[in-house]
Amino acid sequence: MKKVIAGCIDLMLEFDSASELNRYIADIEAKKQEYSIVDRKELPGNRIMIRIHRQYNKSPFPTTEGGEN
């Protein structure tokens, strides 16, 4: 039988403004989910692109880059 040891979702997201990004992060924190912003880039027109690792459901969040807990 398989067992989830740790898991996260790897997302690349683009936001139209810093305030939109801040609302997204506040929503994650309100849900008490763990996350890690891996990369952040400023784009033309005040847009922001981030790569984020976000906790998958209630699975433990990986604490190392290799995915182990």
PDB file of N, CA and C in Angstrom:
ATOM      1  N   MET A   1       0.850  -1.173   0.000  1.00  0.00           N
ATOM      2  CA  MET A   1       0.000   0.000   0.000  1.00  0.00           C
ATOM      3  C   MET A   1       0.899   1.242   0.000  1.00  0.00           C
ATOM      4  N   LYS A   2       0.500   2.256  -0.752  1.00  0.00           N
ATOM      5  CA  LYS A   2       1.281   3.496  -0.784  1.00  0.00           C
ATOM      6  C   LYS A   2       0.833   4.438   0.320  1.00  0.00           C
ATOM      7  N   LYS A   3       1.752   5.287   0.730  1.00  0.00           N
ATOM      8  CA  LYS A   3       1.481   6.250   1.790  1.00  0.00           C
ATOM      9  C   LYS A   3       2.152   7.566   1.403  1.00  0.00           C
ATOM     10  N   VAL A   4       1.418   8.660   1.465  1.00  0.00           N
ATOM     11  CA  VAL A   4       1.996   9.970   1.168  1.00  0.00           C
ATOM     12  C   VAL A   4       2.844  10.402   2.362  1.00  0.00           C
ATOM     13  N   ILE A   5       4.129  10.560   2.122  1.00  0.00           N
ATOM     14  CA  ILE A   5       5.051  10.993   3.170  1.00  0.00           C
ATOM     15  C   ILE A   5       5.069  12.518   3.248  1.00  0.00           C
ATOM     16  N   ALA A   6       5.110  13.152   2.088  1.00  0.00           N
ATOM     17  CA  ALA A   6       5.082  14.613   1.994  1.00  0.00           C
ATOM     18  C   ALA A   6       4.648  14.975   0.583  1.00  0.00           C
ATOM     19  N   GLY A   7       3.993  16.119   0.453  1.00  0.00           N
ATOM     20  CA  GLY A   7       3.555  16.511  -0.880  1.00  0.00           C
ATOM     21  C   GLY A   7       3.276  17.997  -0.979  1.00  0.00           C
ATOM     22  N   CYS A   8       3.507  18.526  -2.178  1.00  0.00           N
ATOM     23  CA  CYS A   8       3.181  19.922  -2.438  1.00  0.00           C
ATOM     24  C   CYS A   8       2.865  20.089  -3.917  1.00  0.00           C
ATOM     25  N   ILE A   9       2.239  21.202  -4.237  1.00  0.00           N
ATOM     26  CA  ILE A   9       1.919  21.548  -5.608  1.00  0.00           C
ATOM     27  C   ILE A   9       2.915  22.618  -6.042  1.00  0.00           C
ATOM     28  N   ASP A  10       3.523  22.425  -7.203  1.00  0.00           N
ATOM     29  CA  ASP A  10       4.481  23.380  -7.761  1.00  0.00           C
ATOM     30  C   ASP A  10       3.745  24.227  -8.793  1.00  0.00           C
ATOM     31  N   LEU A  11       3.575  25.527  -8.510  1.00  0.00           N
ATOM     32  CA  LEU A  11       2.807  26.413  -9.387  1.00  0.00           C
ATOM     33  C   LEU A  11       3.653  27.583  -9.861  1.00  0.00           C
ATOM     34  N   MET A  12       3.405  28.011 -11.094  1.00  0.00           N
ATOM     35  CA  MET A  12       3.937  29.277 -11.603  1.00  0.00           C
ATOM     36  C   MET A  12       2.734  30.161 -11.864  1.00  0.00           C
ATOM     37  N   LEU A  13       2.668  31.303 -11.178  1.00  0.00           N
ATOM     38  CA  LEU A  13       1.510  32.188 -11.253  1.00  0.00           C
ATOM     39  C   LEU A  13       1.940  33.600 -11.624  1.00  0.00           C
ATOM     40  N   GLU A  14       1.080  34.284 -12.369  1.00  0.00           N
ATOM     41  CA  GLU A  14       1.327  35.680 -12.721  1.00  0.00           C
ATOM     42  C   GLU A  14       0.202  36.533 -12.152  1.00  0.00           C
ATOM     43  N   PHE A  15       0.579  37.617 -11.477  1.00  0.00           N
ATOM     44  CA  PHE A  15      -0.380  38.526 -10.857  1.00  0.00           C
ATOM     45  C   PHE A  15      -0.273  39.899 -11.512  1.00  0.00           C
ATOM     46  N   ASP A  16      -1.398  40.587 -11.629  1.00  0.00           N
ATOM     47  CA  ASP A  16      -1.430  41.914 -12.243  1.00  0.00           C
ATOM     48  C   ASP A  16      -0.854  42.998 -11.341  1.00  0.00           C
ATOM     49  N   SER A  17      -0.782  42.718 -10.031  1.00  0.00           N
ATOM     50  CA  SER A  17      -0.268  43.728  -9.100  1.00  0.00           C
ATOM     51  C   SER A  17       0.245  43.052  -7.832  1.00  0.00           C
ATOM     52  N   ALA A  18       1.028  43.805  -7.061  1.00  0.00           N
ATOM     53  CA  ALA A  18       1.533  43.299  -5.785  1.00  0.00           C
ATOM     54  C   ALA A  18       0.390  43.068  -4.805  1.00  0.00           C
ATOM     55  N   SER A  19      -0.650  43.904  -4.863  1.00  0.00           N
ATOM     56  CA  SER A  19      -1.775  43.728  -3.938  1.00  0.00           C
ATOM     57  C   SER A  19      -2.528  42.429  -4.231  1.00  0.00           C
ATOM     58  N   GLU A  20      -2.615  42.048  -5.502  1.00  0.00           N
ATOM     59  CA  GLU A  20      -3.257  40.774  -5.849  1.00  0.00           C
ATOM     60  C   GLU A  20      -2.437  39.605  -5.312  1.00  0.00           C
ATOM     61  N   LEU A  21      -1.120  39.686  -5.419  1.00  0.00           N
ATOM     62  CA  LEU A  21      -0.240  38.661  -4.857  1.00  0.00           C
ATOM     63  C   LEU A  21      -0.411  38.599  -3.342  1.00  0.00           C
ATOM     64  N   ASN A  22      -0.455  39.749  -2.694  1.00  0.00           N
ATOM     65  CA  ASN A  22      -0.616  39.783  -1.236  1.00  0.00           C
ATOM     66  C   ASN A  22      -1.934  39.146  -0.796  1.00  0.00           C
ATOM     67  N   ARG A  23      -3.008  39.364  -1.545  1.00  0.00           N
ATOM     68  CA  ARG A  23      -4.296  38.730  -1.228  1.00  0.00           C
ATOM     69  C   ARG A  23      -4.202  37.210  -1.382  1.00  0.00           C
ATOM     70  N   TYR A  24      -3.499  36.751  -2.414  1.00  0.00           N
ATOM     71  CA  TYR A  24      -3.316  35.315  -2.636  1.00  0.00           C
ATOM     72  C   TYR A  24      -2.570  34.688  -1.454  1.00  0.00           C
ATOM     73  N   ILE A  25      -1.484  35.324  -1.019  1.00  0.00           N
ATOM     74  CA  ILE A  25      -0.702  34.816   0.113  1.00  0.00           C
ATOM     75  C   ILE A  25      -1.532  34.852   1.396  1.00  0.00           C
ATOM     76  N   ALA A  26      -2.301  35.902   1.606  1.00  0.00           N
ATOM     77  CA  ALA A  26      -3.158  35.994   2.793  1.00  0.00           C
ATOM     78  C   ALA A  26      -4.185  34.869   2.806  1.00  0.00           C
ATOM     79  N   ASP A  27      -4.703  34.505   1.637  1.00  0.00           N
ATOM     80  CA  ASP A  27      -5.665  33.410   1.527  1.00  0.00           C
ATOM     81  C   ASP A  27      -5.024  32.077   1.911  1.00  0.00           C
ATOM     82  N   ILE A  28      -3.796  31.841   1.455  1.00  0.00           N
ATOM     83  CA  ILE A  28      -3.073  30.616   1.820  1.00  0.00           C
ATOM     84  C   ILE A  28      -2.860  30.572   3.335  1.00  0.00           C
ATOM     85  N   GLU A  29      -2.421  31.685   3.899  1.00  0.00           N
ATOM     86  CA  GLU A  29      -2.159  31.733   5.340  1.00  0.00           C
ATOM     87  C   GLU A  29      -3.437  31.579   6.150  1.00  0.00           C
ATOM     88  N   ALA A  30      -4.550  32.115   5.661  1.00  0.00           N
ATOM     89  CA  ALA A  30      -5.830  31.974   6.359  1.00  0.00           C
ATOM     90  C   ALA A  30      -6.266  30.512   6.413  1.00  0.00           C
ATOM     91  N   LYS A  31      -5.895  29.750   5.389  1.00  0.00           N
ATOM     92  CA  LYS A  31      -6.213  28.316   5.350  1.00  0.00           C
ATOM     93  C   LYS A  31      -5.201  27.491   6.135  1.00  0.00           C
ATOM     94  N   LYS A  32      -4.205  28.183   6.717  1.00  0.00           N
ATOM     95  CA  LYS A  32      -3.151  27.542   7.509  1.00  0.00           C
ATOM     96  C   LYS A  32      -2.380  26.505   6.696  1.00  0.00           C
ATOM     97  N   GLN A  33      -2.163  26.811   5.418  1.00  0.00           N
ATOM     98  CA  GLN A  33      -1.369  25.946   4.555  1.00  0.00           C
ATOM     99  C   GLN A  33       0.069  26.448   4.530  1.00  0.00           C
ATOM    100  N   GLU A  34       0.998  25.511   4.435  1.00  0.00           N
ATOM    101  CA  GLU A  34       2.398  25.885   4.313  1.00  0.00           C
ATOM    102  C   GLU A  34       2.705  26.175   2.852  1.00  0.00           C
ATOM    103  N   TYR A  35       3.680  27.049   2.623  1.00  0.00           N
ATOM    104  CA  TYR A  35       4.077  27.384   1.262  1.00  0.00           C
ATOM    105  C   TYR A  35       5.505  27.902   1.273  1.00  0.00           C
ATOM    106  N   SER A  36       6.098  27.913   0.102  1.00  0.00           N
ATOM    107  CA  SER A  36       7.432  28.465  -0.065  1.00  0.00           C
ATOM    108  C   SER A  36       7.496  29.126  -1.435  1.00  0.00           C
ATOM    109  N   ILE A  37       7.826  30.408  -1.476  1.00  0.00           N
ATOM    110  CA  ILE A  37       7.995  31.090  -2.755  1.00  0.00           C
ATOM    111  C   ILE A  37       9.421  30.812  -3.224  1.00  0.00           C
ATOM    112  N   VAL A  38       9.515  30.055  -4.319  1.00  0.00           N
ATOM    113  CA  VAL A  38      10.800  29.603  -4.841  1.00  0.00           C
ATOM    114  C   VAL A  38      11.463  30.686  -5.686  1.00  0.00           C
ATOM    115  N   ASP A  39      10.664  31.427  -6.461  1.00  0.00           N
ATOM    116  CA  ASP A  39      11.201  32.458  -7.346  1.00  0.00           C
ATOM    117  C   ASP A  39      10.174  33.568  -7.507  1.00  0.00           C
ATOM    118  N   ARG A  40      10.660  34.783  -7.658  1.00  0.00           N
ATOM    119  CA  ARG A  40       9.777  35.941  -7.864  1.00  0.00           C
ATOM    120  C   ARG A  40      10.424  36.848  -8.898  1.00  0.00           C
ATOM    121  N   LYS A  41       9.647  37.227  -9.925  1.00  0.00           N
ATOM    122  CA  LYS A  41      10.166  38.095 -10.984  1.00  0.00           C
ATOM    123  C   LYS A  41       9.213  39.258 -11.201  1.00  0.00           C
ATOM    124  N   GLU A  42       9.788  40.446 -11.299  1.00  0.00           N
ATOM    125  CA  GLU A  42       9.017  41.636 -11.648  1.00  0.00           C
ATOM    126  C   GLU A  42       8.909  41.675 -13.168  1.00  0.00           C
ATOM    127  N   LEU A  43       7.705  41.857 -13.690  1.00  0.00           N
ATOM    128  CA  LEU A  43       7.459  41.905 -15.124  1.00  0.00           C
ATOM    129  C   LEU A  43       7.022  43.308 -15.528  1.00  0.00           C
ATOM    130  N   PRO A  44       7.103  43.623 -16.822  1.00  0.00           N
ATOM    131  CA  PRO A  44       6.625  44.935 -17.281  1.00  0.00           C
ATOM    132  C   PRO A  44       5.158  45.152 -16.905  1.00  0.00           C
ATOM    133  N   GLY A  45       4.806  46.407 -16.672  1.00  0.00           N
ATOM    134  CA  GLY A  45       3.420  46.726 -16.335  1.00  0.00           C
ATOM    135  C   GLY A  45       3.067  46.418 -14.893  1.00  0.00           C
ATOM    136  N   ASN A  46       4.067  46.398 -14.002  1.00  0.00           N
ATOM    137  CA  ASN A  46       3.864  46.126 -12.567  1.00  0.00           C
ATOM    138  C   ASN A  46       3.326  44.735 -12.279  1.00  0.00           C
ATOM    139  N   ARG A  47       3.431  43.821 -13.252  1.00  0.00           N
ATOM    140  CA  ARG A  47       2.997  42.447 -13.016  1.00  0.00           C
ATOM    141  C   ARG A  47       4.103  41.689 -12.282  1.00  0.00           C
ATOM    142  N   ILE A  48       3.718  40.625 -11.597  1.00  0.00           N
ATOM    143  CA  ILE A  48       4.660  39.812 -10.825  1.00  0.00           C
ATOM    144  C   ILE A  48       4.415  38.349 -11.152  1.00  0.00           C
ATOM    145  N   MET A  49       5.503  37.612 -11.420  1.00  0.00           N
ATOM    146  CA  MET A  49       5.392  36.168 -11.621  1.00  0.00           C
ATOM    147  C   MET A  49       6.125  35.482 -10.472  1.00  0.00           C
ATOM    148  N   ILE A  50       5.474  34.474  -9.889  1.00  0.00           N
ATOM    149  CA  ILE A  50       6.113  33.709  -8.821  1.00  0.00           C
ATOM    150  C   ILE A  50       6.049  32.225  -9.145  1.00  0.00           C
ATOM    151  N   ARG A  51       7.006  31.505  -8.599  1.00  0.00           N
ATOM    152  CA  ARG A  51       6.946  30.043  -8.557  1.00  0.00           C
ATOM    153  C   ARG A  51       6.808  29.714  -7.083  1.00  0.00           C
ATOM    154  N   ILE A  52       5.764  28.959  -6.758  1.00  0.00           N
ATOM    155  CA  ILE A  52       5.444  28.685  -5.361  1.00  0.00           C
ATOM    156  C   ILE A  52       5.223  27.193  -5.159  1.00  0.00           C
ATOM    157  N   HIS A  53       5.722  26.682  -4.054  1.00  0.00           N
ATOM    158  CA  HIS A  53       5.390  25.329  -3.606  1.00  0.00           C
ATOM    159  C   HIS A  53       4.333  25.500  -2.529  1.00  0.00           C
ATOM    160  N   ARG A  54       3.177  24.888  -2.752  1.00  0.00           N
ATOM    161  CA  ARG A  54       2.042  25.037  -1.843  1.00  0.00           C
ATOM    162  C   ARG A  54       1.642  23.667  -1.306  1.00  0.00           C
ATOM    163  N   GLN A  55       1.330  23.606  -0.035  1.00  0.00           N
ATOM    164  CA  GLN A  55       0.937  22.355   0.614  1.00  0.00           C
ATOM    165  C   GLN A  55      -0.235  21.721  -0.119  1.00  0.00           C
ATOM    166  N   TYR A  56      -0.157  20.414  -0.326  1.00  0.00           N
ATOM    167  CA  TYR A  56      -1.206  19.673  -1.010  1.00  0.00           C
ATOM    168  C   TYR A  56      -2.169  19.100   0.019  1.00  0.00           C
ATOM    169  N   ASN A  57      -3.402  19.615   0.023  1.00  0.00           N
ATOM    170  CA  ASN A  57      -4.429  19.193   0.982  1.00  0.00           C
ATOM    171  C   ASN A  57      -3.862  19.219   2.393  1.00  0.00           C
ATOM    172  N   LYS A  58      -3.959  18.129   3.109  1.00  0.00           N
ATOM    173  CA  LYS A  58      -3.441  18.070   4.487  1.00  0.00           C
ATOM    174  C   LYS A  58      -2.147  17.258   4.569  1.00  0.00           C
ATOM    175  N   SER A  59      -1.540  16.960   3.418  1.00  0.00           N
ATOM    176  CA  SER A  59      -0.282  16.208   3.410  1.00  0.00           C
ATOM    177  C   SER A  59       0.818  17.028   4.077  1.00  0.00           C
ATOM    178  N   PRO A  60       1.743  16.360   4.754  1.00  0.00           N
ATOM    179  CA  PRO A  60       2.877  17.093   5.326  1.00  0.00           C
ATOM    180  C   PRO A  60       3.647  17.810   4.219  1.00  0.00           C
ATOM    181  N   PHE A  61       4.116  19.011   4.505  1.00  0.00           N
ATOM    182  CA  PHE A  61       4.856  19.809   3.528  1.00  0.00           C
ATOM    183  C   PHE A  61       6.308  19.346   3.502  1.00  0.00           C
ATOM    184  N   PRO A  62       6.879  19.112   2.319  1.00  0.00           N
ATOM    185  CA  PRO A  62       8.291  18.700   2.255  1.00  0.00           C
ATOM    186  C   PRO A  62       9.191  19.790   2.830  1.00  0.00           C
ATOM    187  N   THR A  63      10.173  19.384   3.615  1.00  0.00           N
ATOM    188  CA  THR A  63      11.055  20.366   4.239  1.00  0.00           C
ATOM    189  C   THR A  63      12.382  20.501   3.509  1.00  0.00           C
ATOM    190  N   THR A  64      12.653  19.643   2.522  1.00  0.00           N
ATOM    191  CA  THR A  64      13.880  19.740   1.739  1.00  0.00           C
ATOM    192  C   THR A  64      13.532  19.790   0.265  1.00  0.00           C
ATOM    193  N   GLU A  65      14.463  20.272  -0.552  1.00  0.00           N
ATOM    194  CA  GLU A  65      14.236  20.410  -1.992  1.00  0.00           C
ATOM    195  C   GLU A  65      13.972  19.063  -2.657  1.00  0.00           C
ATOM    196  N   GLY A  66      14.559  17.997  -2.153  1.00  0.00           N
ATOM    197  CA  GLY A  66      14.369  16.681  -2.754  1.00  0.00           C
ATOM    198  C   GLY A  66      13.002  16.083  -2.498  1.00  0.00           C
ATOM    199  N   GLY A  67      12.219  16.692  -1.616  1.00  0.00           N
ATOM    200  CA  GLY A  67      10.868  16.229  -1.373  1.00  0.00           C
ATOM    201  C   GLY A  67      10.693  15.413  -0.108  1.00  0.00           C
ATOM    202  N   GLU A  68      11.802  15.074   0.560  1.00  0.00           N
ATOM    203  CA  GLU A  68      11.663  14.318   1.798  1.00  0.00           C
ATOM    204  C   GLU A  68      11.207  15.249   2.906  1.00  0.00           C
ATOM    205  N   ASN A  69      10.600  14.664   3.908  1.00  0.00           N
ATOM    206  CA  ASN A  69      10.115  15.445   5.039  1.00  0.00           C
ATOM    207  C   ASN A  69      11.180  15.587   6.095  1.00  0.00           C
TER     208      ASN A  69
END
